[in-house]
Amino acid sequence: MPSIEGIPHLELVRPDRIRFHENPEGSRTARLVARLREEGRLRNPPIVARLDETEYVLLDGANRVSALRDIGYSHLPVQVIDYERESVQLKGWHHLLVEGAKLNLREAYAGIDGVRLQEVREADLPGLLELRRVYAALVDVSGTPWALFPESGRVLLPEWMSVITQAVAAYEGRTRLERIKVADYAELPEVFHTVDHQLALYPTITKVDLLRLVSDGITIPTGLTRHLIAGRALGLNLDLAFLTELETDEQKKDHLRRFVDDLEMRGRIRFYEESAFIMNE
């Protein structure tokens, strides 16, 4: 499989061959369906890794895959990477609930089976999350930190996923949600302290955890995992008409190969090494 010094490895994959690890967001998927039908082009291909000879695990692009599948495309253009590569890292998101003061999350979390909700010190939050001593944590509107400890004393993967699914469901769709990276509440940008908010914090799952979840058929809420993948294919701007106009699988795959070959021959594929900020995304 080409490295980032070469060109991205793109394939056409049948939708039923792609295994999800996270649930797509219905509202975002619906908006993508409308946009894809209007534009008929795929800007950024979803990213997958091989599970075996026939199936793939979806690493990034749950809403894109769901939208393309809902439209009815027979194949999906995807970027295939080697998940065992050390440069492919799995990180996590936390959820800042802007204007979420009206939600009584303490009560909701205290009612989750197998959870012991306990107030903790702010300074202890990063360690509890990093060492996976808790299922999740909450900083309520008053700034008080709470941790969701397992009643059993151990954080086991299936129970953990069940708890965080219920934790996210307590606020998803009920308030404005911003994904943030910081686990230390003290590092929260000052701009967010100017509005009422609550903060839901989550330990990070590992790549081994993710593959086990996929193998067991368990999906988690969207917006908790983020993969750092050097060499993402962006700006492909692929016209999807060929997926309905061509008849055979081989014709469709050949079209994609020729499309990428043409980009390479015309010097239209460039690898940028520097980091960048995307403003007003």
C-alpha atoms as a PDB file:
ATOM      1  CA  MET A   1       0.000   0.000   0.000  1.00  0.00           C
ATOM      2  CA  PRO A   2       1.530   3.355  -0.976  1.00  0.00           C
ATOM      3  CA  SER A   3       3.100   5.418   1.786  1.00  0.00           C
ATOM      4  CA  ILE A   4       2.447   9.094   2.323  1.00  0.00           C
ATOM      5  CA  GLU A   5       5.470   9.820   0.138  1.00  0.00           C
ATOM      6  CA  GLY A   6       3.614   8.160  -2.753  1.00  0.00           C
ATOM      7  CA  ILE A   7      -0.053   8.660  -3.484  1.00  0.00           C
ATOM      8  CA  PRO A   8      -3.092   7.659  -1.414  1.00  0.00           C
ATOM      9  CA  HIS A   9      -4.443   4.176  -2.033  1.00  0.00           C
ATOM     10  CA  LEU A  10      -8.035   4.518  -3.239  1.00  0.00           C
ATOM     11  CA  GLU A  11     -10.439   1.646  -3.827  1.00  0.00           C
ATOM     12  CA  LEU A  12     -14.092   1.055  -4.638  1.00  0.00           C
ATOM     13  CA  VAL A  13     -15.737  -0.969  -1.873  1.00  0.00           C
ATOM     14  CA  ARG A  14     -19.268  -2.284  -1.598  1.00  0.00           C
ATOM     15  CA  PRO A  15     -21.185  -0.628   1.283  1.00  0.00           C
ATOM     16  CA  ASP A  16     -21.991  -3.965   2.941  1.00  0.00           C
ATOM     17  CA  ARG A  17     -18.260  -4.670   3.255  1.00  0.00           C
ATOM     18  CA  ILE A  18     -17.667  -1.666   5.530  1.00  0.00           C
ATOM     19  CA  ARG A  19     -18.005  -2.160   9.296  1.00  0.00           C
ATOM     20  CA  PHE A  20     -18.783   0.852  11.476  1.00  0.00           C
ATOM     21  CA  HIS A  21     -17.292   1.498  14.910  1.00  0.00           C
ATOM     22  CA  GLU A  22     -19.422   4.580  15.583  1.00  0.00           C
ATOM     23  CA  ASN A  23     -23.006   5.519  14.899  1.00  0.00           C
ATOM     24  CA  PRO A  24     -23.616   8.159  12.222  1.00  0.00           C
ATOM     25  CA  GLU A  25     -25.493  11.353  13.075  1.00  0.00           C
ATOM     26  CA  GLY A  26     -28.900  11.275  11.431  1.00  0.00           C
ATOM     27  CA  SER A  27     -29.180  15.030  10.880  1.00  0.00           C
ATOM     28  CA  ARG A  28     -25.694  15.366   9.375  1.00  0.00           C
ATOM     29  CA  THR A  29     -26.245  12.332   7.171  1.00  0.00           C
ATOM     30  CA  ALA A  30     -29.489  13.843   5.859  1.00  0.00           C
ATOM     31  CA  ARG A  31     -27.712  17.108   5.001  1.00  0.00           C
ATOM     32  CA  LEU A  32     -24.953  15.177   3.225  1.00  0.00           C
ATOM     33  CA  VAL A  33     -27.497  13.194   1.218  1.00  0.00           C
ATOM     34  CA  ALA A  34     -29.040  16.452  -0.010  1.00  0.00           C
ATOM     35  CA  ARG A  35     -25.641  17.953  -0.867  1.00  0.00           C
ATOM     36  CA  LEU A  36     -24.346  14.846  -2.634  1.00  0.00           C
ATOM     37  CA  ARG A  37     -27.500  14.574  -4.708  1.00  0.00           C
ATOM     38  CA  GLU A  38     -27.201  18.216  -5.706  1.00  0.00           C
ATOM     39  CA  GLU A  39     -23.452  18.277  -6.393  1.00  0.00           C
ATOM     40  CA  GLY A  40     -22.857  14.661  -7.391  1.00  0.00           C
ATOM     41  CA  ARG A  41     -19.256  14.869  -6.209  1.00  0.00           C
ATOM     42  CA  LEU A  42     -17.239  13.405  -3.338  1.00  0.00           C
ATOM     43  CA  ARG A  43     -14.705  15.849  -1.938  1.00  0.00           C
ATOM     44  CA  ASN A  44     -12.969  13.795   0.762  1.00  0.00           C
ATOM     45  CA  PRO A  45     -13.137   9.992   0.605  1.00  0.00           C
ATOM     46  CA  PRO A  46     -13.890   8.058   3.812  1.00  0.00           C
ATOM     47  CA  ILE A  47     -10.937   6.249   5.339  1.00  0.00           C
ATOM     48  CA  VAL A  48     -10.952   2.506   6.025  1.00  0.00           C
ATOM     49  CA  ALA A  49      -8.539  -0.258   6.974  1.00  0.00           C
ATOM     50  CA  ARG A  50      -8.707  -3.919   6.026  1.00  0.00           C
ATOM     51  CA  LEU A  51     -10.139  -6.330   8.585  1.00  0.00           C
ATOM     52  CA  ASP A  52      -9.616  -9.353   6.338  1.00  0.00           C
ATOM     53  CA  GLU A  53      -9.765 -10.234   2.661  1.00  0.00           C
ATOM     54  CA  THR A  54     -13.344  -9.037   2.240  1.00  0.00           C
ATOM     55  CA  GLU A  55     -14.230  -6.563   5.015  1.00  0.00           C
ATOM     56  CA  TYR A  56     -13.037  -3.143   6.115  1.00  0.00           C
ATOM     57  CA  VAL A  57     -13.315  -1.131   9.316  1.00  0.00           C
ATOM     58  CA  LEU A  58     -14.404   2.474   8.872  1.00  0.00           C
ATOM     59  CA  LEU A  59     -12.009   4.864  10.629  1.00  0.00           C
ATOM     60  CA  ASP A  60     -13.313   8.232   9.462  1.00  0.00           C
ATOM     61  CA  GLY A  61     -16.420   9.233   7.535  1.00  0.00           C
ATOM     62  CA  ALA A  62     -19.428   7.520   9.149  1.00  0.00           C
ATOM     63  CA  ASN A  63     -21.801  10.216   7.908  1.00  0.00           C
ATOM     64  CA  ARG A  64     -20.332  10.203   4.391  1.00  0.00           C
ATOM     65  CA  VAL A  65     -20.592   6.427   4.094  1.00  0.00           C
ATOM     66  CA  SER A  66     -24.149   6.493   5.461  1.00  0.00           C
ATOM     67  CA  ALA A  67     -25.147   9.215   2.998  1.00  0.00           C
ATOM     68  CA  LEU A  68     -23.621   7.448  -0.009  1.00  0.00           C
ATOM     69  CA  ARG A  69     -25.235   4.191   1.068  1.00  0.00           C
ATOM     70  CA  ASP A  70     -28.631   5.865   1.546  1.00  0.00           C
ATOM     71  CA  ILE A  71     -28.461   7.314  -1.970  1.00  0.00           C
ATOM     72  CA  GLY A  72     -27.981   3.775  -3.235  1.00  0.00           C
ATOM     73  CA  TYR A  73     -24.502   3.738  -4.771  1.00  0.00           C
ATOM     74  CA  SER A  74     -23.283   0.214  -5.514  1.00  0.00           C
ATOM     75  CA  HIS A  75     -19.690   1.058  -4.518  1.00  0.00           C
ATOM     76  CA  LEU A  76     -18.080   3.692  -2.332  1.00  0.00           C
ATOM     77  CA  PRO A  77     -14.740   5.374  -3.109  1.00  0.00           C
ATOM     78  CA  VAL A  78     -12.564   5.014  -0.005  1.00  0.00           C
ATOM     79  CA  GLN A  79      -8.976   5.553   1.034  1.00  0.00           C
ATOM     80  CA  VAL A  80      -7.437   2.361   2.400  1.00  0.00           C
ATOM     81  CA  ILE A  81      -4.665   2.626   4.997  1.00  0.00           C
ATOM     82  CA  ASP A  82      -2.594   0.216   7.060  1.00  0.00           C
ATOM     83  CA  TYR A  83      -4.060   0.388  10.583  1.00  0.00           C
ATOM     84  CA  GLU A  84      -0.982  -1.262  12.095  1.00  0.00           C
ATOM     85  CA  ARG A  85       1.188   1.667  11.017  1.00  0.00           C
ATOM     86  CA  GLU A  86       2.491   3.454  14.120  1.00  0.00           C
ATOM     87  CA  SER A  87       1.840   6.844  12.563  1.00  0.00           C
ATOM     88  CA  VAL A  88      -1.906   6.079  12.597  1.00  0.00           C
ATOM     89  CA  GLN A  89      -2.976   7.232  16.032  1.00  0.00           C
ATOM     90  CA  LEU A  90      -6.324   6.996  17.788  1.00  0.00           C
ATOM     91  CA  LYS A  91      -7.215   9.936  20.008  1.00  0.00           C
ATOM     92  CA  GLY A  92     -10.443  11.064  21.620  1.00  0.00           C
ATOM     93  CA  TRP A  93     -12.850  13.969  21.787  1.00  0.00           C
ATOM     94  CA  HIS A  94     -14.558  15.484  24.799  1.00  0.00           C
ATOM     95  CA  HIS A  95     -17.872  17.278  24.563  1.00  0.00           C
ATOM     96  CA  LEU A  96     -18.415  20.883  25.554  1.00  0.00           C
ATOM     97  CA  LEU A  97     -22.138  21.456  26.022  1.00  0.00           C
ATOM     98  CA  VAL A  98     -22.679  25.108  25.260  1.00  0.00           C
ATOM     99  CA  GLU A  99     -25.860  26.540  26.771  1.00  0.00           C
ATOM    100  CA  GLY A 100     -26.384  23.156  28.422  1.00  0.00           C
ATOM    101  CA  ALA A 101     -27.127  24.477  31.903  1.00  0.00           C
ATOM    102  CA  LYS A 102     -30.762  23.386  31.707  1.00  0.00           C
ATOM    103  CA  LEU A 103     -29.808  19.711  31.438  1.00  0.00           C
ATOM    104  CA  ASN A 104     -29.761  17.820  34.744  1.00  0.00           C
ATOM    105  CA  LEU A 105     -26.938  15.495  33.780  1.00  0.00           C
ATOM    106  CA  ARG A 106     -26.025  14.647  37.372  1.00  0.00           C
ATOM    107  CA  GLU A 107     -29.430  13.093  37.875  1.00  0.00           C
ATOM    108  CA  ALA A 108     -29.281  11.312  34.526  1.00  0.00           C
ATOM    109  CA  TYR A 109     -25.824   9.894  35.187  1.00  0.00           C
ATOM    110  CA  ALA A 110     -26.644   8.807  38.727  1.00  0.00           C
ATOM    111  CA  GLY A 111     -29.458   6.720  37.264  1.00  0.00           C
ATOM    112  CA  ILE A 112     -27.253   4.680  34.905  1.00  0.00           C
ATOM    113  CA  ASP A 113     -27.021   1.036  35.986  1.00  0.00           C
ATOM    114  CA  GLY A 114     -23.601   0.014  37.260  1.00  0.00           C
ATOM    115  CA  VAL A 115     -22.454   3.607  37.817  1.00  0.00           C
ATOM    116  CA  ARG A 116     -21.438   5.285  41.057  1.00  0.00           C
ATOM    117  CA  LEU A 117     -21.467   9.070  40.556  1.00  0.00           C
ATOM    118  CA  GLN A 118     -18.995  10.769  42.869  1.00  0.00           C
ATOM    119  CA  GLU A 119     -17.625  14.284  43.221  1.00  0.00           C
ATOM    120  CA  VAL A 120     -13.869  14.433  42.638  1.00  0.00           C
ATOM    121  CA  ARG A 121     -11.127  17.029  42.713  1.00  0.00           C
ATOM    122  CA  GLU A 122     -10.500  18.937  39.503  1.00  0.00           C
ATOM    123  CA  ALA A 123      -6.802  18.076  39.685  1.00  0.00           C
ATOM    124  CA  ASP A 124      -7.646  14.356  39.682  1.00  0.00           C
ATOM    125  CA  LEU A 125      -9.681  14.403  36.456  1.00  0.00           C
ATOM    126  CA  PRO A 126      -6.827  13.996  33.919  1.00  0.00           C
ATOM    127  CA  GLY A 127      -5.361  11.019  35.792  1.00  0.00           C
ATOM    128  CA  LEU A 128      -8.699   9.275  36.246  1.00  0.00           C
ATOM    129  CA  LEU A 129      -9.367   9.577  32.527  1.00  0.00           C
ATOM    130  CA  GLU A 130      -5.876   8.672  31.335  1.00  0.00           C
ATOM    131  CA  LEU A 131      -5.683   5.579  33.575  1.00  0.00           C
ATOM    132  CA  ARG A 132      -9.258   4.605  32.695  1.00  0.00           C
ATOM    133  CA  ARG A 133     -10.415   4.449  36.294  1.00  0.00           C
ATOM    134  CA  VAL A 134     -13.791   5.902  35.308  1.00  0.00           C
ATOM    135  CA  TYR A 135     -16.332   5.439  32.542  1.00  0.00           C
ATOM    136  CA  ALA A 136     -16.601   9.189  32.023  1.00  0.00           C
ATOM    137  CA  ALA A 137     -16.580  12.487  33.910  1.00  0.00           C
ATOM    138  CA  LEU A 138     -18.789  15.548  34.101  1.00  0.00           C
ATOM    139  CA  VAL A 139     -17.984  19.150  34.970  1.00  0.00           C
ATOM    140  CA  ASP A 140     -21.369  20.657  35.750  1.00  0.00           C
ATOM    141  CA  VAL A 141     -22.517  24.235  35.205  1.00  0.00           C
ATOM    142  CA  SER A 142     -21.133  25.292  38.609  1.00  0.00           C
ATOM    143  CA  GLY A 143     -17.678  23.961  37.673  1.00  0.00           C
ATOM    144  CA  THR A 144     -17.921  20.981  40.021  1.00  0.00           C
ATOM    145  CA  PRO A 145     -16.270  17.798  38.693  1.00  0.00           C
ATOM    146  CA  TRP A 146     -18.044  14.438  38.944  1.00  0.00           C
ATOM    147  CA  ALA A 147     -16.763  11.016  37.932  1.00  0.00           C
ATOM    148  CA  LEU A 148     -18.752   8.016  36.761  1.00  0.00           C
ATOM    149  CA  PHE A 149     -17.032   5.156  38.595  1.00  0.00           C
ATOM    150  CA  PRO A 150     -17.870   1.503  37.872  1.00  0.00           C
ATOM    151  CA  GLU A 151     -19.687  -0.082  40.817  1.00  0.00           C
ATOM    152  CA  SER A 152     -17.711  -3.243  40.136  1.00  0.00           C
ATOM    153  CA  GLY A 153     -14.434  -1.372  40.538  1.00  0.00           C
ATOM    154  CA  ARG A 154     -13.245  -2.281  37.030  1.00  0.00           C
ATOM    155  CA  VAL A 155     -13.814  -0.563  33.686  1.00  0.00           C
ATOM    156  CA  LEU A 156     -14.669  -3.410  31.304  1.00  0.00           C
ATOM    157  CA  LEU A 157     -15.044  -2.646  27.599  1.00  0.00           C
ATOM    158  CA  PRO A 158     -18.656  -3.770  26.864  1.00  0.00           C
ATOM    159  CA  GLU A 159     -20.057  -2.158  30.025  1.00  0.00           C
ATOM    160  CA  TRP A 160     -17.993   0.985  29.385  1.00  0.00           C
ATOM    161  CA  MET A 161     -19.419   1.371  25.895  1.00  0.00           C
ATOM    162  CA  SER A 162     -22.958   0.888  27.232  1.00  0.00           C
ATOM    163  CA  VAL A 163     -22.427   3.588  29.861  1.00  0.00           C
ATOM    164  CA  ILE A 164     -20.965   6.181  27.483  1.00  0.00           C
ATOM    165  CA  THR A 165     -23.766   5.514  25.010  1.00  0.00           C
ATOM    166  CA  GLN A 166     -26.270   6.392  27.756  1.00  0.00           C
ATOM    167  CA  ALA A 167     -24.125   9.344  28.874  1.00  0.00           C
ATOM    168  CA  VAL A 168     -24.097  10.881  25.389  1.00  0.00           C
ATOM    169  CA  ALA A 169     -27.806  10.165  24.866  1.00  0.00           C
ATOM    170  CA  ALA A 170     -28.582  12.321  27.917  1.00  0.00           C
ATOM    171  CA  TYR A 171     -27.556  15.469  26.010  1.00  0.00           C
ATOM    172  CA  GLU A 172     -27.186  14.656  22.315  1.00  0.00           C
ATOM    173  CA  GLY A 173     -29.613  16.725  20.265  1.00  0.00           C
ATOM    174  CA  ARG A 174     -30.697  18.741  23.305  1.00  0.00           C
ATOM    175  CA  THR A 175     -27.992  21.368  23.360  1.00  0.00           C
ATOM    176  CA  ARG A 176     -25.198  22.762  21.201  1.00  0.00           C
ATOM    177  CA  LEU A 177     -22.230  20.426  21.299  1.00  0.00           C
ATOM    178  CA  GLU A 178     -18.625  21.354  20.539  1.00  0.00           C
ATOM    179  CA  ARG A 179     -15.889  18.732  20.329  1.00  0.00           C
ATOM    180  CA  ILE A 180     -12.737  19.636  22.230  1.00  0.00           C
ATOM    181  CA  LYS A 181      -9.415  17.916  22.857  1.00  0.00           C
ATOM    182  CA  VAL A 182      -8.420  19.117  26.343  1.00  0.00           C
ATOM    183  CA  ALA A 183      -9.084  16.774  29.255  1.00  0.00           C
ATOM    184  CA  ASP A 184      -7.800  19.235  31.870  1.00  0.00           C
ATOM    185  CA  TYR A 185     -10.661  21.589  32.691  1.00  0.00           C
ATOM    186  CA  ALA A 186      -8.131  24.239  33.702  1.00  0.00           C
ATOM    187  CA  GLU A 187      -6.925  24.360  30.078  1.00  0.00           C
ATOM    188  CA  LEU A 188     -10.353  25.143  28.650  1.00  0.00           C
ATOM    189  CA  PRO A 189     -10.056  28.284  26.462  1.00  0.00           C
ATOM    190  CA  GLU A 190     -11.272  31.381  28.272  1.00  0.00           C
ATOM    191  CA  VAL A 191     -13.850  32.129  25.577  1.00  0.00           C
ATOM    192  CA  PHE A 192     -15.945  29.180  26.745  1.00  0.00           C
ATOM    193  CA  HIS A 193     -16.087  30.457  30.312  1.00  0.00           C
ATOM    194  CA  THR A 194     -18.179  33.387  29.128  1.00  0.00           C
ATOM    195  CA  VAL A 195     -21.244  31.182  28.462  1.00  0.00           C
ATOM    196  CA  ASP A 196     -23.096  28.645  30.579  1.00  0.00           C
ATOM    197  CA  HIS A 197     -21.801  25.192  29.791  1.00  0.00           C
ATOM    198  CA  GLN A 198     -21.185  21.693  31.026  1.00  0.00           C
ATOM    199  CA  LEU A 199     -18.312  19.456  30.030  1.00  0.00           C
ATOM    200  CA  ALA A 200     -18.502  15.703  29.355  1.00  0.00           C
ATOM    201  CA  LEU A 201     -15.090  14.014  29.461  1.00  0.00           C
ATOM    202  CA  TYR A 202     -14.249  10.537  28.223  1.00  0.00           C
ATOM    203  CA  PRO A 203     -11.243   8.190  28.427  1.00  0.00           C
ATOM    204  CA  THR A 204      -9.696   7.299  25.077  1.00  0.00           C
ATOM    205  CA  ILE A 205     -10.170   3.841  23.608  1.00  0.00           C
ATOM    206  CA  THR A 206      -7.205   2.128  21.963  1.00  0.00           C
ATOM    207  CA  LYS A 207      -6.863   0.749  18.445  1.00  0.00           C
ATOM    208  CA  VAL A 208      -7.085  -2.753  19.927  1.00  0.00           C
ATOM    209  CA  ASP A 209     -10.304  -1.755  21.725  1.00  0.00           C
ATOM    210  CA  LEU A 210     -11.759  -0.406  18.484  1.00  0.00           C
ATOM    211  CA  LEU A 211     -11.059  -3.583  16.533  1.00  0.00           C
ATOM    212  CA  ARG A 212     -12.562  -5.677  19.322  1.00  0.00           C
ATOM    213  CA  LEU A 213     -15.716  -3.536  19.313  1.00  0.00           C
ATOM    214  CA  VAL A 214     -16.062  -3.948  15.549  1.00  0.00           C
ATOM    215  CA  SER A 215     -15.517  -7.693  15.853  1.00  0.00           C
ATOM    216  CA  ASP A 216     -18.239  -7.872  18.528  1.00  0.00           C
ATOM    217  CA  GLY A 217     -20.630  -5.725  16.506  1.00  0.00           C
ATOM    218  CA  ILE A 218     -20.650  -2.903  19.081  1.00  0.00           C
ATOM    219  CA  THR A 219     -20.867   0.699  17.918  1.00  0.00           C
ATOM    220  CA  ILE A 220     -20.323   3.816  19.998  1.00  0.00           C
ATOM    221  CA  PRO A 221     -21.739   7.351  19.729  1.00  0.00           C
ATOM    222  CA  THR A 222     -20.243   9.526  17.044  1.00  0.00           C
ATOM    223  CA  GLY A 223     -17.815  12.269  18.025  1.00  0.00           C
ATOM    224  CA  LEU A 224     -15.752  10.352  20.591  1.00  0.00           C
ATOM    225  CA  THR A 225     -12.927   8.988  18.452  1.00  0.00           C
ATOM    226  CA  ARG A 226     -10.573  10.872  16.154  1.00  0.00           C
ATOM    227  CA  HIS A 227      -7.861   9.272  14.083  1.00  0.00           C
ATOM    228  CA  LEU A 228      -4.645  11.113  13.310  1.00  0.00           C
ATOM    229  CA  ILE A 229      -3.707   9.884   9.843  1.00  0.00           C
ATOM    230  CA  ALA A 230      -0.805  11.339   7.918  1.00  0.00           C
ATOM    231  CA  GLY A 231      -1.446  11.389   4.194  1.00  0.00           C
ATOM    232  CA  ARG A 232      -5.223  11.815   4.151  1.00  0.00           C
ATOM    233  CA  ALA A 233      -6.658  12.230   0.659  1.00  0.00           C
ATOM    234  CA  LEU A 234      -8.480  15.581   0.615  1.00  0.00           C
ATOM    235  CA  GLY A 235     -10.064  17.566  -2.180  1.00  0.00           C
ATOM    236  CA  LEU A 236     -10.596  14.559  -4.459  1.00  0.00           C
ATOM    237  CA  ASN A 237     -13.702  16.169  -5.976  1.00  0.00           C
ATOM    238  CA  LEU A 238     -14.677  12.925  -7.687  1.00  0.00           C
ATOM    239  CA  ASP A 239     -17.709  13.011 -10.002  1.00  0.00           C
ATOM    240  CA  LEU A 240     -19.839  10.081  -8.824  1.00  0.00           C
ATOM    241  CA  ALA A 241     -21.869   9.716 -12.022  1.00  0.00           C
ATOM    242  CA  PHE A 242     -19.719   6.796 -13.184  1.00  0.00           C
ATOM    243  CA  LEU A 243     -21.085   4.662 -10.339  1.00  0.00           C
ATOM    244  CA  THR A 244     -24.528   4.664 -11.963  1.00  0.00           C
ATOM    245  CA  GLU A 245     -23.568   5.062 -15.619  1.00  0.00           C
ATOM    246  CA  LEU A 246     -21.096   2.164 -15.884  1.00  0.00           C
ATOM    247  CA  GLU A 247     -22.419  -1.384 -15.714  1.00  0.00           C
ATOM    248  CA  THR A 248     -19.727  -3.728 -14.412  1.00  0.00           C
ATOM    249  CA  ASP A 249     -17.620  -3.610 -11.263  1.00  0.00           C
ATOM    250  CA  GLU A 250     -14.453  -3.764 -13.345  1.00  0.00           C
ATOM    251  CA  GLN A 251     -15.507  -0.771 -15.454  1.00  0.00           C
ATOM    252  CA  LYS A 252     -16.136   1.267 -12.306  1.00  0.00           C
ATOM    253  CA  LYS A 253     -12.821   0.283 -10.725  1.00  0.00           C
ATOM    254  CA  ASP A 254     -10.979   1.032 -13.959  1.00  0.00           C
ATOM    255  CA  HIS A 255     -12.590   4.490 -14.090  1.00  0.00           C
ATOM    256  CA  LEU A 256     -11.338   5.291 -10.590  1.00  0.00           C
ATOM    257  CA  ARG A 257      -7.833   4.038 -11.439  1.00  0.00           C
ATOM    258  CA  ARG A 258      -7.686   6.177 -14.564  1.00  0.00           C
ATOM    259  CA  PHE A 259      -9.009   9.196 -12.666  1.00  0.00           C
ATOM    260  CA  VAL A 260      -6.241   8.936 -10.043  1.00  0.00           C
ATOM    261  CA  ASP A 261      -3.582   8.170 -12.681  1.00  0.00           C
ATOM    262  CA  ASP A 262      -4.618  11.304 -14.569  1.00  0.00           C
ATOM    263  CA  LEU A 263      -4.301  13.439 -11.432  1.00  0.00           C
ATOM    264  CA  GLU A 264      -0.820  12.037 -10.818  1.00  0.00           C
ATOM    265  CA  MET A 265       0.337  12.539 -14.420  1.00  0.00           C
ATOM    266  CA  ARG A 266      -0.825  16.164 -14.378  1.00  0.00           C
ATOM    267  CA  GLY A 267       0.927  16.857 -11.076  1.00  0.00           C
ATOM    268  CA  ARG A 268      -2.355  17.472  -9.285  1.00  0.00           C
ATOM    269  CA  ILE A 269      -1.524  15.272  -6.248  1.00  0.00           C
ATOM    270  CA  ARG A 270       0.575  17.111  -3.679  1.00  0.00           C
ATOM    271  CA  PHE A 271       1.693  16.152  -0.188  1.00  0.00           C
ATOM    272  CA  TYR A 272       1.960  19.012   2.315  1.00  0.00           C
ATOM    273  CA  GLU A 273       4.177  18.319   5.309  1.00  0.00           C
ATOM    274  CA  GLU A 274       3.372  21.407   7.357  1.00  0.00           C
ATOM    275  CA  SER A 275       0.532  21.584   9.862  1.00  0.00           C
ATOM    276  CA  ALA A 276      -2.227  24.073   9.135  1.00  0.00           C
ATOM    277  CA  PHE A 277      -5.278  25.720  10.652  1.00  0.00           C
ATOM    278  CA  ILE A 278      -8.546  25.635   8.717  1.00  0.00           C
ATOM    279  CA  MET A 279     -10.373  28.824   9.596  1.00  0.00           C
ATOM    280  CA  ASN A 280     -14.173  29.135   9.658  1.00  0.00           C
ATOM    281  CA  GLU A 281     -14.754  25.451   8.791  1.00  0.00           C
END
